[in-house]
Amino acid sequence: MVIFEHKNFLILNKPAGVLVHGILNKDDKSKFGLEPTVVDAILASYPEIREVGDNPTERPGIVHRLDKDTSGVLVVARNQKFYEYLKFLFQTHEVKKTYLALVWGKLSGSGIIDRPIGLKSGSVKRSVHNKNTKMIKEAVTEYQSLKIFQYDAPHSIAREAPHFTLVRVIPKTGRTHQIRVHLASIGHPVVGDKLYGKKNVPFKIERQFLHAESIEFSLEDGQRIKVAADLPEDLKTVILELEKNG
């Protein structure tokens, strides 16, 4: 899981299907869920992280997060001084993160999605529509089309084979579900996204096709750090399937 180790921080390649940190039990707020987390795994080898953060009891060392079903790079602070520095970099948008996503439809060229995101009342879903939403915050996402696929599913009786596009995404802000909400808002939801996407995917995928490809930031001495994580095997298999039947 650890792909880069520094005296002040770790960079992980988070697998899909794993929570970054525990979630409080709604019925008993003194207890966390029993589901294994990234934090649990890291604390076993790096116990110093236990005292780091604004709320180390719940999120030791964690400055930013990835959704449970998103894989890829995640940075964890090893001491409080660097935690504060890294938090400042995120707040001032000086951390560059890139993602790879497979979306429904033909999405050509590049663009910027600049739409505030709010939480839909009585739901965990986010939306770019202001009606019946709260905690509305600025959100900006850049994207660039990498490759368009037309998938001719074996034994399909559909009139027209669906198209899919592999895109590189750079979020300029860090809102919850931002990439997923923004891509869905322009009619190109992430493939496999059970909350914002389409059903009936014509090939096998067990989770959303969203991978945190790289993270880049400057250290206090000015040294620039960039660490990348390869596309995991489950998502590579999807690309191979698209290329095979395209």
C-alpha atoms as a PDB file:
ATOM      1  CA  MET A   1       0.000   0.000   0.000  1.00  0.00           C
ATOM      2  CA  VAL A   2       2.889   2.417   0.789  1.00  0.00           C
ATOM      3  CA  ILE A   3       4.532   3.465  -2.482  1.00  0.00           C
ATOM      4  CA  PHE A   4       6.605   6.441  -1.247  1.00  0.00           C
ATOM      5  CA  GLU A   5       8.036   6.976   2.217  1.00  0.00           C
ATOM      6  CA  HIS A   6       9.385  10.276   3.582  1.00  0.00           C
ATOM      7  CA  LYS A   7      10.304  11.214   7.147  1.00  0.00           C
ATOM      8  CA  ASN A   8       7.325  13.595   7.199  1.00  0.00           C
ATOM      9  CA  PHE A   9       4.708  11.759   5.161  1.00  0.00           C
ATOM     10  CA  LEU A  10       3.664   8.595   3.358  1.00  0.00           C
ATOM     11  CA  ILE A  11       2.068   8.232  -0.040  1.00  0.00           C
ATOM     12  CA  LEU A  12      -0.183   5.208  -0.415  1.00  0.00           C
ATOM     13  CA  ASN A  13      -1.778   3.398  -3.309  1.00  0.00           C
ATOM     14  CA  LYS A  14      -5.200   2.844  -1.797  1.00  0.00           C
ATOM     15  CA  PRO A  15      -7.076  -0.215  -3.070  1.00  0.00           C
ATOM     16  CA  ALA A  16     -10.726   0.087  -4.027  1.00  0.00           C
ATOM     17  CA  GLY A  17     -13.293  -1.223  -1.573  1.00  0.00           C
ATOM     18  CA  VAL A  18     -11.516   0.065   1.540  1.00  0.00           C
ATOM     19  CA  LEU A  19     -12.546   3.053   3.660  1.00  0.00           C
ATOM     20  CA  VAL A  20      -9.816   5.598   4.397  1.00  0.00           C
ATOM     21  CA  HIS A  21     -10.875   5.846   8.048  1.00  0.00           C
ATOM     22  CA  GLY A  22     -13.596   4.552  10.318  1.00  0.00           C
ATOM     23  CA  ILE A  23     -17.147   5.870  10.374  1.00  0.00           C
ATOM     24  CA  LEU A  24     -18.853   6.666  13.662  1.00  0.00           C
ATOM     25  CA  ASN A  25     -21.711   4.391  14.641  1.00  0.00           C
ATOM     26  CA  LYS A  26     -24.926   6.457  14.445  1.00  0.00           C
ATOM     27  CA  ASP A  27     -26.424   4.678  17.447  1.00  0.00           C
ATOM     28  CA  ASP A  28     -23.297   4.804  19.603  1.00  0.00           C
ATOM     29  CA  LYS A  29     -20.972   7.655  18.691  1.00  0.00           C
ATOM     30  CA  SER A  30     -18.229   6.234  20.908  1.00  0.00           C
ATOM     31  CA  LYS A  31     -17.850   3.277  18.543  1.00  0.00           C
ATOM     32  CA  PHE A  32     -16.536   2.979  15.020  1.00  0.00           C
ATOM     33  CA  GLY A  33     -17.633   0.418  12.476  1.00  0.00           C
ATOM     34  CA  LEU A  34     -15.781  -2.877  12.463  1.00  0.00           C
ATOM     35  CA  GLU A  35     -14.844  -2.579   8.789  1.00  0.00           C
ATOM     36  CA  PRO A  36     -11.051  -2.564   8.157  1.00  0.00           C
ATOM     37  CA  THR A  37      -9.670   0.799   7.013  1.00  0.00           C
ATOM     38  CA  VAL A  38      -6.543   2.320   5.496  1.00  0.00           C
ATOM     39  CA  VAL A  39      -5.827   3.992   8.829  1.00  0.00           C
ATOM     40  CA  ASP A  40      -5.895   0.627  10.625  1.00  0.00           C
ATOM     41  CA  ALA A  41      -3.323  -0.808   8.229  1.00  0.00           C
ATOM     42  CA  ILE A  42      -0.999   2.209   8.435  1.00  0.00           C
ATOM     43  CA  LEU A  43      -1.066   2.518  12.220  1.00  0.00           C
ATOM     44  CA  ALA A  44       0.242  -1.017  12.558  1.00  0.00           C
ATOM     45  CA  SER A  45       3.534  -0.008  10.909  1.00  0.00           C
ATOM     46  CA  TYR A  46       3.609   3.737  11.619  1.00  0.00           C
ATOM     47  CA  PRO A  47       2.207   4.207  15.149  1.00  0.00           C
ATOM     48  CA  GLU A  48       3.488   7.807  15.364  1.00  0.00           C
ATOM     49  CA  ILE A  49       0.597   8.836  13.109  1.00  0.00           C
ATOM     50  CA  ARG A  50      -1.823   8.099  15.942  1.00  0.00           C
ATOM     51  CA  GLU A  51      -1.247  11.582  17.433  1.00  0.00           C
ATOM     52  CA  VAL A  52      -1.393  13.548  14.151  1.00  0.00           C
ATOM     53  CA  GLY A  53      -4.246  15.659  12.819  1.00  0.00           C
ATOM     54  CA  ASP A  54      -7.133  17.904  13.825  1.00  0.00           C
ATOM     55  CA  ASN A  55      -9.070  14.871  15.036  1.00  0.00           C
ATOM     56  CA  PRO A  56      -6.524  12.055  15.431  1.00  0.00           C
ATOM     57  CA  THR A  57      -8.952   9.811  17.279  1.00  0.00           C
ATOM     58  CA  GLU A  58     -11.048   9.491  14.128  1.00  0.00           C
ATOM     59  CA  ARG A  59      -8.693  10.480  11.262  1.00  0.00           C
ATOM     60  CA  PRO A  60      -5.039  10.252  12.319  1.00  0.00           C
ATOM     61  CA  GLY A  61      -2.731  11.776   9.710  1.00  0.00           C
ATOM     62  CA  ILE A  62      -5.493  12.177   7.138  1.00  0.00           C
ATOM     63  CA  VAL A  63      -5.594  15.496   5.281  1.00  0.00           C
ATOM     64  CA  HIS A  64      -7.618  14.376   2.250  1.00  0.00           C
ATOM     65  CA  ARG A  65      -9.645  11.299   1.386  1.00  0.00           C
ATOM     66  CA  LEU A  66     -10.701   9.058  -1.450  1.00  0.00           C
ATOM     67  CA  ASP A  67     -14.135   7.470  -1.751  1.00  0.00           C
ATOM     68  CA  LYS A  68     -14.318   3.852  -0.643  1.00  0.00           C
ATOM     69  CA  ASP A  69     -14.613   2.558  -4.214  1.00  0.00           C
ATOM     70  CA  THR A  70     -11.942   4.870  -5.644  1.00  0.00           C
ATOM     71  CA  SER A  71      -8.377   3.601  -5.857  1.00  0.00           C
ATOM     72  CA  GLY A  72      -5.069   5.417  -6.070  1.00  0.00           C
ATOM     73  CA  VAL A  73      -2.696   7.865  -4.437  1.00  0.00           C
ATOM     74  CA  LEU A  74      -3.327   9.171  -0.941  1.00  0.00           C
ATOM     75  CA  VAL A  75      -0.903  11.194   1.212  1.00  0.00           C
ATOM     76  CA  VAL A  76      -0.737  10.742   5.000  1.00  0.00           C
ATOM     77  CA  ALA A  77       1.168  13.086   7.368  1.00  0.00           C
ATOM     78  CA  ARG A  78       3.551  11.485   9.881  1.00  0.00           C
ATOM     79  CA  ASN A  79       3.872  14.466  12.232  1.00  0.00           C
ATOM     80  CA  GLN A  80       1.762  17.460  13.238  1.00  0.00           C
ATOM     81  CA  LYS A  81       4.051  20.076  11.694  1.00  0.00           C
ATOM     82  CA  PHE A  82       3.836  18.532   8.255  1.00  0.00           C
ATOM     83  CA  TYR A  83       0.112  17.904   8.696  1.00  0.00           C
ATOM     84  CA  GLU A  84      -0.427  21.651   9.162  1.00  0.00           C
ATOM     85  CA  TYR A  85       1.794  22.420   6.167  1.00  0.00           C
ATOM     86  CA  LEU A  86      -0.018  19.930   3.948  1.00  0.00           C
ATOM     87  CA  LYS A  87      -3.401  21.188   5.090  1.00  0.00           C
ATOM     88  CA  PHE A  88      -2.307  24.696   4.074  1.00  0.00           C
ATOM     89  CA  LEU A  89      -1.289  23.433   0.612  1.00  0.00           C
ATOM     90  CA  PHE A  90      -4.711  21.863   0.111  1.00  0.00           C
ATOM     91  CA  GLN A  91      -6.512  24.975   1.356  1.00  0.00           C
ATOM     92  CA  THR A  92      -4.562  27.186  -1.064  1.00  0.00           C
ATOM     93  CA  HIS A  93      -5.019  24.736  -3.968  1.00  0.00           C
ATOM     94  CA  GLU A  94      -1.286  24.088  -4.269  1.00  0.00           C
ATOM     95  CA  VAL A  95      -1.637  20.310  -4.464  1.00  0.00           C
ATOM     96  CA  LYS A  96      -2.140  18.952  -7.972  1.00  0.00           C
ATOM     97  CA  LYS A  97      -4.104  15.707  -8.160  1.00  0.00           C
ATOM     98  CA  THR A  98      -4.917  13.840 -11.364  1.00  0.00           C
ATOM     99  CA  TYR A  99      -7.460  11.075 -11.819  1.00  0.00           C
ATOM    100  CA  LEU A 100      -8.372   8.653 -14.571  1.00  0.00           C
ATOM    101  CA  ALA A 101     -12.070   8.035 -15.165  1.00  0.00           C
ATOM    102  CA  LEU A 102     -14.082   6.082 -17.692  1.00  0.00           C
ATOM    103  CA  VAL A 103     -17.315   7.860 -18.523  1.00  0.00           C
ATOM    104  CA  TRP A 104     -20.401   7.113 -20.559  1.00  0.00           C
ATOM    105  CA  GLY A 105     -20.652   8.630 -24.040  1.00  0.00           C
ATOM    106  CA  LYS A 106     -18.340  10.580 -26.336  1.00  0.00           C
ATOM    107  CA  LEU A 107     -16.486  13.316 -24.490  1.00  0.00           C
ATOM    108  CA  SER A 108     -14.052  15.035 -26.842  1.00  0.00           C
ATOM    109  CA  GLY A 109     -11.315  17.577 -26.228  1.00  0.00           C
ATOM    110  CA  SER A 110     -10.861  19.299 -22.881  1.00  0.00           C
ATOM    111  CA  GLY A 111     -12.882  21.585 -20.685  1.00  0.00           C
ATOM    112  CA  ILE A 112     -13.596  23.075 -17.285  1.00  0.00           C
ATOM    113  CA  ILE A 113     -16.672  22.324 -15.181  1.00  0.00           C
ATOM    114  CA  ASP A 114     -17.264  25.258 -12.846  1.00  0.00           C
ATOM    115  CA  ARG A 115     -20.423  24.466 -10.891  1.00  0.00           C
ATOM    116  CA  PRO A 116     -20.969  24.800  -7.118  1.00  0.00           C
ATOM    117  CA  ILE A 117     -21.891  21.566  -5.359  1.00  0.00           C
ATOM    118  CA  GLY A 118     -24.316  21.183  -2.466  1.00  0.00           C
ATOM    119  CA  LEU A 119     -25.675  18.327  -0.359  1.00  0.00           C
ATOM    120  CA  LYS A 120     -29.203  17.259  -1.242  1.00  0.00           C
ATOM    121  CA  SER A 121     -31.492  17.533   1.763  1.00  0.00           C
ATOM    122  CA  GLY A 122     -32.161  14.196   3.451  1.00  0.00           C
ATOM    123  CA  SER A 123     -29.618  12.396   1.281  1.00  0.00           C
ATOM    124  CA  VAL A 124     -25.919  11.534   0.956  1.00  0.00           C
ATOM    125  CA  LYS A 125     -26.012  12.646  -2.676  1.00  0.00           C
ATOM    126  CA  ARG A 126     -24.422  15.853  -3.901  1.00  0.00           C
ATOM    127  CA  SER A 127     -25.799  18.013  -6.682  1.00  0.00           C
ATOM    128  CA  VAL A 128     -24.934  21.039  -8.826  1.00  0.00           C
ATOM    129  CA  HIS A 129     -28.573  22.147  -8.641  1.00  0.00           C
ATOM    130  CA  ASN A 130     -29.137  24.666  -5.863  1.00  0.00           C
ATOM    131  CA  LYS A 131     -32.764  23.747  -5.242  1.00  0.00           C
ATOM    132  CA  ASN A 132     -33.207  21.650  -2.084  1.00  0.00           C
ATOM    133  CA  THR A 133     -29.458  21.588  -1.396  1.00  0.00           C
ATOM    134  CA  LYS A 134     -27.432  22.870   1.542  1.00  0.00           C
ATOM    135  CA  MET A 135     -23.765  23.568   2.283  1.00  0.00           C
ATOM    136  CA  ILE A 136     -23.237  24.779  -1.293  1.00  0.00           C
ATOM    137  CA  LYS A 137     -19.561  25.322  -2.111  1.00  0.00           C
ATOM    138  CA  GLU A 138     -17.517  26.373  -5.121  1.00  0.00           C
ATOM    139  CA  ALA A 139     -16.266  23.443  -7.193  1.00  0.00           C
ATOM    140  CA  VAL A 140     -14.051  23.442 -10.288  1.00  0.00           C
ATOM    141  CA  THR A 141     -12.909  20.422 -12.314  1.00  0.00           C
ATOM    142  CA  GLU A 142     -10.751  20.254 -15.436  1.00  0.00           C
ATOM    143  CA  TYR A 143     -10.885  17.291 -17.807  1.00  0.00           C
ATOM    144  CA  GLN A 144      -9.108  16.061 -20.924  1.00  0.00           C
ATOM    145  CA  SER A 145     -10.334  13.307 -23.222  1.00  0.00           C
ATOM    146  CA  LEU A 146      -7.754  10.549 -23.746  1.00  0.00           C
ATOM    147  CA  LYS A 147      -9.553   7.916 -25.813  1.00  0.00           C
ATOM    148  CA  ILE A 148     -13.084   7.203 -27.058  1.00  0.00           C
ATOM    149  CA  PHE A 149     -14.313   3.612 -27.307  1.00  0.00           C
ATOM    150  CA  GLN A 150     -17.335   2.150 -29.078  1.00  0.00           C
ATOM    151  CA  TYR A 151     -18.262  -1.086 -27.374  1.00  0.00           C
ATOM    152  CA  ASP A 152     -19.847  -3.764 -29.546  1.00  0.00           C
ATOM    153  CA  ALA A 153     -20.990  -6.144 -26.853  1.00  0.00           C
ATOM    154  CA  PRO A 154     -20.900  -9.810 -27.859  1.00  0.00           C
ATOM    155  CA  HIS A 155     -24.404 -11.116 -28.702  1.00  0.00           C
ATOM    156  CA  SER A 156     -25.832  -7.610 -28.276  1.00  0.00           C
ATOM    157  CA  ILE A 157     -29.147  -6.803 -29.937  1.00  0.00           C
ATOM    158  CA  ALA A 158     -28.858  -3.076 -29.217  1.00  0.00           C
ATOM    159  CA  ARG A 159     -29.411  -0.782 -32.182  1.00  0.00           C
ATOM    160  CA  GLU A 160     -26.194   1.121 -31.566  1.00  0.00           C
ATOM    161  CA  ALA A 161     -23.158   0.137 -29.548  1.00  0.00           C
ATOM    162  CA  PRO A 162     -22.599   2.534 -26.638  1.00  0.00           C
ATOM    163  CA  HIS A 163     -19.580   4.815 -26.465  1.00  0.00           C
ATOM    164  CA  PHE A 164     -17.262   5.337 -23.525  1.00  0.00           C
ATOM    165  CA  THR A 165     -14.451   7.837 -22.981  1.00  0.00           C
ATOM    166  CA  LEU A 166     -11.311   7.546 -20.904  1.00  0.00           C
ATOM    167  CA  VAL A 167     -10.576  10.963 -19.397  1.00  0.00           C
ATOM    168  CA  ARG A 168      -7.912  12.514 -17.234  1.00  0.00           C
ATOM    169  CA  VAL A 169      -9.442  14.717 -14.556  1.00  0.00           C
ATOM    170  CA  ILE A 170      -7.859  17.435 -12.406  1.00  0.00           C
ATOM    171  CA  PRO A 171     -10.029  18.705  -9.546  1.00  0.00           C
ATOM    172  CA  LYS A 172      -9.167  22.289  -8.638  1.00  0.00           C
ATOM    173  CA  THR A 173     -11.210  22.085  -5.443  1.00  0.00           C
ATOM    174  CA  GLY A 174     -11.758  19.162  -3.096  1.00  0.00           C
ATOM    175  CA  ARG A 175     -15.482  18.677  -2.591  1.00  0.00           C
ATOM    176  CA  THR A 176     -17.001  15.334  -1.612  1.00  0.00           C
ATOM    177  CA  HIS A 177     -17.886  13.297  -4.739  1.00  0.00           C
ATOM    178  CA  GLN A 178     -16.772  16.271  -6.846  1.00  0.00           C
ATOM    179  CA  ILE A 179     -15.502  14.425  -9.926  1.00  0.00           C
ATOM    180  CA  ARG A 180     -18.453  12.044  -9.959  1.00  0.00           C
ATOM    181  CA  VAL A 181     -21.021  14.830  -9.555  1.00  0.00           C
ATOM    182  CA  HIS A 182     -19.398  17.136 -12.104  1.00  0.00           C
ATOM    183  CA  LEU A 183     -19.017  14.509 -14.821  1.00  0.00           C
ATOM    184  CA  ALA A 184     -22.600  13.363 -14.293  1.00  0.00           C
ATOM    185  CA  SER A 185     -23.766  16.989 -14.512  1.00  0.00           C
ATOM    186  CA  ILE A 186     -22.484  17.280 -18.108  1.00  0.00           C
ATOM    187  CA  GLY A 187     -24.131  14.013 -19.145  1.00  0.00           C
ATOM    188  CA  HIS A 188     -21.048  11.791 -18.817  1.00  0.00           C
ATOM    189  CA  PRO A 189     -21.301   9.921 -15.510  1.00  0.00           C
ATOM    190  CA  VAL A 190     -18.500   7.663 -14.340  1.00  0.00           C
ATOM    191  CA  VAL A 191     -18.975   4.053 -15.424  1.00  0.00           C
ATOM    192  CA  GLY A 192     -19.913   1.818 -12.491  1.00  0.00           C
ATOM    193  CA  ASP A 193     -20.939   4.703 -10.242  1.00  0.00           C
ATOM    194  CA  LYS A 194     -23.923   3.356  -8.318  1.00  0.00           C
ATOM    195  CA  LEU A 195     -24.893   6.743  -6.876  1.00  0.00           C
ATOM    196  CA  TYR A 196     -24.627   9.099  -9.851  1.00  0.00           C
ATOM    197  CA  GLY A 197     -24.181   6.799 -12.844  1.00  0.00           C
ATOM    198  CA  LYS A 198     -26.160   4.630 -15.210  1.00  0.00           C
ATOM    199  CA  LYS A 199     -27.234   1.050 -14.690  1.00  0.00           C
ATOM    200  CA  ASN A 200     -26.880  -1.848 -17.098  1.00  0.00           C
ATOM    201  CA  VAL A 201     -23.166  -1.527 -17.886  1.00  0.00           C
ATOM    202  CA  PRO A 202     -22.584  -3.908 -20.834  1.00  0.00           C
ATOM    203  CA  PHE A 203     -19.360  -5.344 -19.393  1.00  0.00           C
ATOM    204  CA  LYS A 204     -18.263  -6.512 -15.965  1.00  0.00           C
ATOM    205  CA  ILE A 205     -17.133  -3.864 -13.494  1.00  0.00           C
ATOM    206  CA  GLU A 206     -17.470  -4.191  -9.735  1.00  0.00           C
ATOM    207  CA  ARG A 207     -17.017  -0.529  -8.786  1.00  0.00           C
ATOM    208  CA  GLN A 208     -16.766   2.967 -10.212  1.00  0.00           C
ATOM    209  CA  PHE A 209     -14.017   3.455 -12.781  1.00  0.00           C
ATOM    210  CA  LEU A 210     -12.203   6.236 -10.923  1.00  0.00           C
ATOM    211  CA  HIS A 211      -8.516   6.094 -10.018  1.00  0.00           C
ATOM    212  CA  ALA A 212      -6.351   8.743  -8.355  1.00  0.00           C
ATOM    213  CA  GLU A 213      -3.456   8.601 -10.780  1.00  0.00           C
ATOM    214  CA  SER A 214      -0.956  11.037  -9.232  1.00  0.00           C
ATOM    215  CA  ILE A 215      -0.336  13.692  -6.609  1.00  0.00           C
ATOM    216  CA  GLU A 216       2.134  16.546  -6.840  1.00  0.00           C
ATOM    217  CA  PHE A 217       3.195  19.235  -4.351  1.00  0.00           C
ATOM    218  CA  SER A 218       6.214  21.180  -3.110  1.00  0.00           C
ATOM    219  CA  LEU A 219       8.025  20.502   0.149  1.00  0.00           C
ATOM    220  CA  GLU A 220       8.958  23.308   2.513  1.00  0.00           C
ATOM    221  CA  ASP A 221      12.476  23.461   1.014  1.00  0.00           C
ATOM    222  CA  GLY A 222      11.026  23.944  -2.485  1.00  0.00           C
ATOM    223  CA  GLN A 223      11.624  20.395  -3.700  1.00  0.00           C
ATOM    224  CA  ARG A 224       8.788  19.240  -5.959  1.00  0.00           C
ATOM    225  CA  ILE A 225       7.326  15.785  -5.267  1.00  0.00           C
ATOM    226  CA  LYS A 226       5.221  13.835  -7.742  1.00  0.00           C
ATOM    227  CA  VAL A 227       4.117  10.260  -7.123  1.00  0.00           C
ATOM    228  CA  ALA A 228       1.925   8.169  -9.422  1.00  0.00           C
ATOM    229  CA  ALA A 229       0.070   4.877  -9.090  1.00  0.00           C
ATOM    230  CA  ASP A 230      -0.575   2.599 -12.070  1.00  0.00           C
ATOM    231  CA  LEU A 231      -4.112   1.739 -13.063  1.00  0.00           C
ATOM    232  CA  PRO A 232      -5.110  -1.337 -11.011  1.00  0.00           C
ATOM    233  CA  GLU A 233      -5.743  -4.682 -12.672  1.00  0.00           C
ATOM    234  CA  ASP A 234      -9.542  -4.563 -12.442  1.00  0.00           C
ATOM    235  CA  LEU A 235      -9.644  -1.301 -14.403  1.00  0.00           C
ATOM    236  CA  LYS A 236      -6.971  -2.445 -16.847  1.00  0.00           C
ATOM    237  CA  THR A 237      -9.205  -5.424 -17.587  1.00  0.00           C
ATOM    238  CA  VAL A 238     -12.074  -3.076 -18.472  1.00  0.00           C
ATOM    239  CA  ILE A 239      -9.877  -1.140 -20.918  1.00  0.00           C
ATOM    240  CA  LEU A 240      -8.698  -4.373 -22.516  1.00  0.00           C
ATOM    241  CA  GLU A 241     -12.332  -5.468 -22.902  1.00  0.00           C
ATOM    242  CA  LEU A 242     -13.214  -2.178 -24.586  1.00  0.00           C
ATOM    243  CA  GLU A 243     -10.264  -2.417 -26.950  1.00  0.00           C
ATOM    244  CA  LYS A 244     -11.060  -6.024 -27.771  1.00  0.00           C
ATOM    245  CA  ASN A 245     -14.695  -5.386 -28.636  1.00  0.00           C
ATOM    246  CA  GLY A 246     -14.392  -1.866 -29.982  1.00  0.00           C
END
